[in-house]
């Protein structure tokens, strides 16, 4: 799993923890974490598409985690 994927997973995990522990008091924080994860995923996909990368990327001389 790439470093970005790990970061997205952690952001989503943190949002879920805020939801469980803080409820409505942390609504802004939860939404911020979720939107950050969504943005990272979307930008990562755009970069991959722009670079012409496929899922493994090795054929282009680099790995997916680059």
Protein backbone atom coordinates (compact mmCIF):
# COMPACT_ATOMS: atom_id res chain seq x y z
CA UNK A 1 0.00 0.00 0.00
CA UNK A 2 1.39 3.41 -0.91
CA UNK A 3 2.19 6.11 1.62
CA UNK A 4 -0.75 8.21 0.37
CA UNK A 5 -3.12 5.28 0.75
CA UNK A 6 -1.89 4.80 4.31
CA UNK A 7 -2.44 8.49 5.08
CA UNK A 8 -5.96 8.40 3.65
CA UNK A 9 -6.73 5.30 5.70
CA UNK A 10 -5.46 7.03 8.85
CA UNK A 11 -7.51 10.19 8.17
CA UNK A 12 -10.65 8.11 7.74
CA UNK A 13 -9.85 6.16 10.92
CA UNK A 14 -9.40 9.41 12.85
CA UNK A 15 -12.71 10.75 11.53
CA UNK A 16 -14.45 7.58 12.70
CA UNK A 17 -12.84 7.87 16.15
CA UNK A 18 -13.95 11.49 16.46
CA UNK A 19 -17.45 10.35 15.53
CA UNK A 20 -17.46 7.68 18.24
CA UNK A 21 -15.83 9.72 20.99
CA UNK A 22 -17.03 13.28 20.45
CA UNK A 23 -20.28 13.08 18.53
CA UNK A 24 -21.71 16.40 17.35
CA UNK A 25 -19.09 18.41 19.23
CA UNK A 26 -16.45 17.39 16.68
CA UNK A 27 -18.61 17.65 13.54
CA UNK A 28 -16.28 20.23 11.93
CA UNK A 29 -13.18 18.16 12.66
CA UNK A 30 -14.76 14.97 11.31
CA UNK A 31 -15.83 16.72 8.12
CA UNK A 32 -12.37 18.26 7.69
CA UNK A 33 -10.68 14.86 8.04
CA UNK A 34 -13.08 13.23 5.59
CA UNK A 35 -12.66 16.02 3.04
CA UNK A 36 -8.86 15.85 3.39
CA UNK A 37 -8.95 12.11 2.69
CA UNK A 38 -11.24 12.63 -0.33
CA UNK A 39 -8.97 15.38 -1.68
CA UNK A 40 -5.82 13.29 -1.30
CA UNK A 41 -7.45 10.38 -3.12
CA UNK A 42 -8.73 12.58 -5.95
CA UNK A 43 -5.39 14.36 -6.43
CA UNK A 44 -3.49 11.09 -6.30
CA UNK A 45 -5.69 9.68 -9.07
CA UNK A 46 -5.19 12.83 -11.18
CA UNK A 47 -1.41 12.66 -10.78
CA UNK A 48 -1.40 8.98 -11.74
CA UNK A 49 -3.53 9.71 -14.80
CA UNK A 50 -1.37 12.68 -15.79
CA UNK A 51 1.78 10.58 -15.51
CA UNK A 52 0.20 7.79 -17.53
CA UNK A 53 0.74 5.34 -14.71
CA UNK A 54 -1.03 2.08 -14.34
CA UNK A 55 -1.55 0.18 -11.07
CA UNK A 56 2.00 -1.02 -10.38
CA UNK A 57 3.88 1.61 -12.32
CA UNK A 58 6.99 -0.56 -12.65
CA UNK A 59 6.74 -0.48 -16.43
CA UNK A 60 7.40 3.26 -16.21
CA UNK A 61 10.50 2.88 -14.10
CA UNK A 62 8.98 3.72 -10.74
CA UNK A 63 6.71 2.18 -8.14
CA UNK A 64 3.18 3.16 -7.17
CA UNK A 65 4.48 4.71 -3.95
CA UNK A 66 6.61 7.31 -5.81
